[in-house]
Amino acid sequence: MTTETPATRALATSGILHTITEHGPVRSLEEAAAARGIEPSQLLKTMVVRRGEGDFLLVLVPGDRQISWPKLRAHLGVSRLSMPDKDVALAVTGYERGTITPFGAHPEPGGAPLPVIADALITSRPGPVSIGAGAHGLGATMDPADLVATLAAEVVDVTEPA
């Protein structure tokens, strides 16, 4: 496995303190969390959400939670949101499902980073968080406040228990 991905390059240039963890294949979020030495609630899922035609954003969701569509729609002031299929998600982020991360994800080469919404629990729970680093079996663990600041993420309550 290689640790060189657009995400690891973006992390390296961001200045954020982080630790890269490589682990073998995992079959569940719980196995991935265990391989990274964290609780499932500390493992963040990066979800691609379509707000409109050609208008996408990323939502960071703790591993023990899921997006609350009513909360997210209300926050964004829209009546409809959707999740793109795997091919569109790849085109929008440059990452295949299961490896998507905000680090290095751009709608086009040289394009602006996608907007990021981080669920409020990410910064209110104790301990570090781990996010994908652009390849299967590769994660980056860091302080949640640093993550939010580095990504200029909007922190909002947008999830509910899974």
Protein backbone atom coordinates (compact mmCIF):
# COMPACT_ATOMS: atom_id res chain seq x y z
CA MET A 1 0.00 0.00 0.00
CA THR A 2 1.21 3.49 -0.69
CA THR A 3 0.70 6.38 1.68
CA GLU A 4 1.13 8.92 -1.13
CA THR A 5 -2.30 10.24 -2.16
CA PRO A 6 -3.67 13.70 -2.97
CA ALA A 7 -5.01 13.67 0.61
CA THR A 8 -1.66 12.91 2.24
CA ARG A 9 -0.02 15.60 0.09
CA ALA A 10 -2.74 18.11 1.08
CA LEU A 11 -2.35 17.15 4.74
CA ALA A 12 1.43 17.58 4.54
CA THR A 13 1.15 21.07 3.07
CA SER A 14 -1.70 22.15 5.35
CA GLY A 15 0.45 22.35 8.45
CA ILE A 16 -2.13 20.42 10.52
CA LEU A 17 -0.59 18.01 13.03
CA HIS A 18 -1.72 14.52 12.10
CA THR A 19 -0.74 10.88 12.19
CA ILE A 20 -1.17 8.62 9.17
CA THR A 21 -2.24 5.05 9.92
CA GLU A 22 -2.00 2.26 7.37
CA HIS A 23 -3.98 -0.88 8.03
CA GLY A 24 -5.12 -3.83 6.01
CA PRO A 25 -8.59 -4.40 4.63
CA VAL A 26 -11.48 -3.90 7.03
CA ARG A 27 -15.08 -5.03 6.72
CA SER A 28 -16.76 -2.43 8.89
CA LEU A 29 -16.48 1.01 10.42
CA GLU A 30 -15.86 -0.69 13.79
CA GLU A 31 -12.92 -2.66 12.37
CA ALA A 32 -11.48 0.50 10.82
CA ALA A 33 -11.77 2.36 14.13
CA ALA A 34 -10.09 -0.50 16.00
CA ALA A 35 -7.27 -0.60 13.43
CA ARG A 36 -6.69 3.12 14.03
CA GLY A 37 -6.88 2.79 17.82
CA ILE A 38 -9.98 4.93 18.26
CA GLU A 39 -13.66 4.54 19.09
CA PRO A 40 -16.17 4.27 16.21
CA SER A 41 -17.59 7.68 17.19
CA GLN A 42 -14.15 9.20 16.50
CA LEU A 43 -13.96 7.83 12.95
CA LEU A 44 -15.41 10.40 10.56
CA LYS A 45 -17.30 9.54 7.40
CA THR A 46 -17.06 12.07 4.57
CA MET A 47 -20.37 12.20 2.71
CA VAL A 48 -20.79 13.88 -0.69
CA VAL A 49 -24.10 15.75 -0.90
CA ARG A 50 -25.64 17.29 -4.00
CA ARG A 51 -27.39 20.58 -3.28
CA GLY A 52 -28.26 21.28 -6.90
CA GLU A 53 -27.05 20.74 -10.45
CA GLY A 54 -23.24 20.87 -10.24
CA ASP A 55 -23.42 22.10 -6.61
CA PHE A 56 -21.83 19.71 -4.12
CA LEU A 57 -20.59 19.86 -0.55
CA LEU A 58 -19.00 17.49 1.93
CA VAL A 59 -20.54 16.58 5.29
CA LEU A 60 -18.36 15.11 8.04
CA VAL A 61 -20.33 12.62 10.12
CA PRO A 62 -19.15 10.79 13.28
CA GLY A 63 -19.06 7.02 12.78
CA ASP A 64 -21.90 6.35 15.19
CA ARG A 65 -24.20 8.89 13.49
CA GLN A 66 -25.93 9.48 10.15
CA ILE A 67 -27.02 12.61 8.33
CA SER A 68 -30.33 14.01 9.51
CA TRP A 69 -31.75 15.11 6.17
CA PRO A 70 -34.35 17.44 7.73
CA LYS A 71 -31.65 19.18 9.80
CA LEU A 72 -29.29 19.51 6.83
CA ARG A 73 -32.03 20.77 4.47
CA ALA A 74 -33.16 23.32 7.07
CA HIS A 75 -29.60 24.53 7.61
CA LEU A 76 -28.94 24.91 3.88
CA GLY A 77 -32.37 26.42 3.21
CA VAL A 78 -33.26 23.91 0.52
CA SER A 79 -36.15 21.51 0.11
CA ARG A 80 -34.19 18.79 -1.65
CA LEU A 81 -30.77 17.18 -1.26
CA SER A 82 -29.37 13.95 -2.64
CA MET A 83 -26.29 11.79 -2.59
CA PRO A 84 -24.66 11.23 -5.96
CA ASP A 85 -23.89 7.78 -7.30
CA LYS A 86 -20.37 6.41 -7.02
CA ASP A 87 -19.27 7.67 -10.46
CA VAL A 88 -20.39 11.23 -9.78
CA ALA A 89 -18.82 11.15 -6.29
CA LEU A 90 -15.53 10.07 -7.88
CA ALA A 91 -15.74 12.82 -10.51
CA VAL A 92 -16.54 15.46 -7.89
CA THR A 93 -13.88 14.51 -5.33
CA GLY A 94 -11.25 12.49 -7.16
CA TYR A 95 -11.79 9.67 -4.65
CA GLU A 96 -13.79 6.45 -4.86
CA ARG A 97 -16.37 5.65 -2.21
CA GLY A 98 -14.78 4.44 1.00
CA THR A 99 -11.76 6.71 0.46
CA ILE A 100 -13.44 10.14 0.17
CA THR A 101 -11.91 12.87 2.29
CA PRO A 102 -12.00 16.68 2.12
CA PHE A 103 -8.20 16.78 1.93
CA GLY A 104 -7.23 17.05 -1.73
CA ALA A 105 -10.84 16.71 -2.94
CA HIS A 106 -11.59 19.16 -5.72
CA PRO A 107 -14.33 19.21 -8.34
CA GLU A 108 -11.66 19.71 -11.00
CA PRO A 109 -7.87 19.95 -11.08
CA GLY A 110 -6.87 23.32 -9.65
CA GLY A 111 -10.48 23.93 -8.58
CA ALA A 112 -11.61 25.39 -5.30
CA PRO A 113 -12.09 23.04 -2.36
CA LEU A 114 -15.62 21.82 -1.80
CA PRO A 115 -17.49 23.46 1.10
CA VAL A 116 -17.42 21.34 4.26
CA ILE A 117 -20.00 21.01 7.03
CA ALA A 118 -18.79 19.26 10.18
CA ASP A 119 -21.37 17.88 12.56
CA ALA A 120 -21.28 19.71 15.91
CA LEU A 121 -20.45 16.51 17.82
CA ILE A 122 -17.06 16.35 16.11
CA THR A 123 -15.73 19.26 18.15
CA SER A 124 -17.75 18.67 21.32
CA ARG A 125 -16.63 15.10 22.04
CA PRO A 126 -13.26 14.43 23.71
CA GLY A 127 -10.26 12.98 21.93
CA PRO A 128 -8.87 12.95 18.43
CA VAL A 129 -10.75 12.08 15.24
CA SER A 130 -9.66 10.03 12.26
CA ILE A 131 -10.63 10.73 8.68
CA GLY A 132 -9.87 8.95 5.44
CA ALA A 133 -6.59 9.77 3.76
CA GLY A 134 -7.51 8.99 0.16
CA ALA A 135 -6.97 5.23 -0.11
CA HIS A 136 -8.51 2.10 1.36
CA GLY A 137 -6.84 1.23 4.67
CA LEU A 138 -5.35 4.69 5.10
CA GLY A 139 -6.45 7.18 7.76
CA ALA A 140 -5.32 10.47 9.25
CA THR A 141 -5.85 11.11 12.95
CA MET A 142 -5.84 14.66 14.34
CA ASP A 143 -7.34 17.12 16.77
CA PRO A 144 -10.95 17.89 15.77
CA ALA A 145 -10.59 21.65 16.31
CA ASP A 146 -7.54 21.67 14.01
CA LEU A 147 -9.49 19.66 11.42
CA VAL A 148 -12.39 22.13 11.43
CA ALA A 149 -10.09 25.16 11.29
CA THR A 150 -7.89 23.75 8.51
CA LEU A 151 -10.91 22.90 6.35
CA ALA A 152 -12.75 26.15 7.22
CA ALA A 153 -15.65 23.83 7.96
CA GLU A 154 -18.98 25.11 9.14
CA VAL A 155 -19.86 23.40 12.44
CA VAL A 156 -23.58 22.58 12.64
CA ASP A 157 -25.82 19.95 14.26
CA VAL A 158 -26.73 17.90 11.16
CA THR A 159 -26.76 14.30 12.37
CA GLU A 160 -28.83 11.81 14.34
CA PRO A 161 -28.05 8.41 15.88
CA ALA A 162 -27.37 5.71 13.29
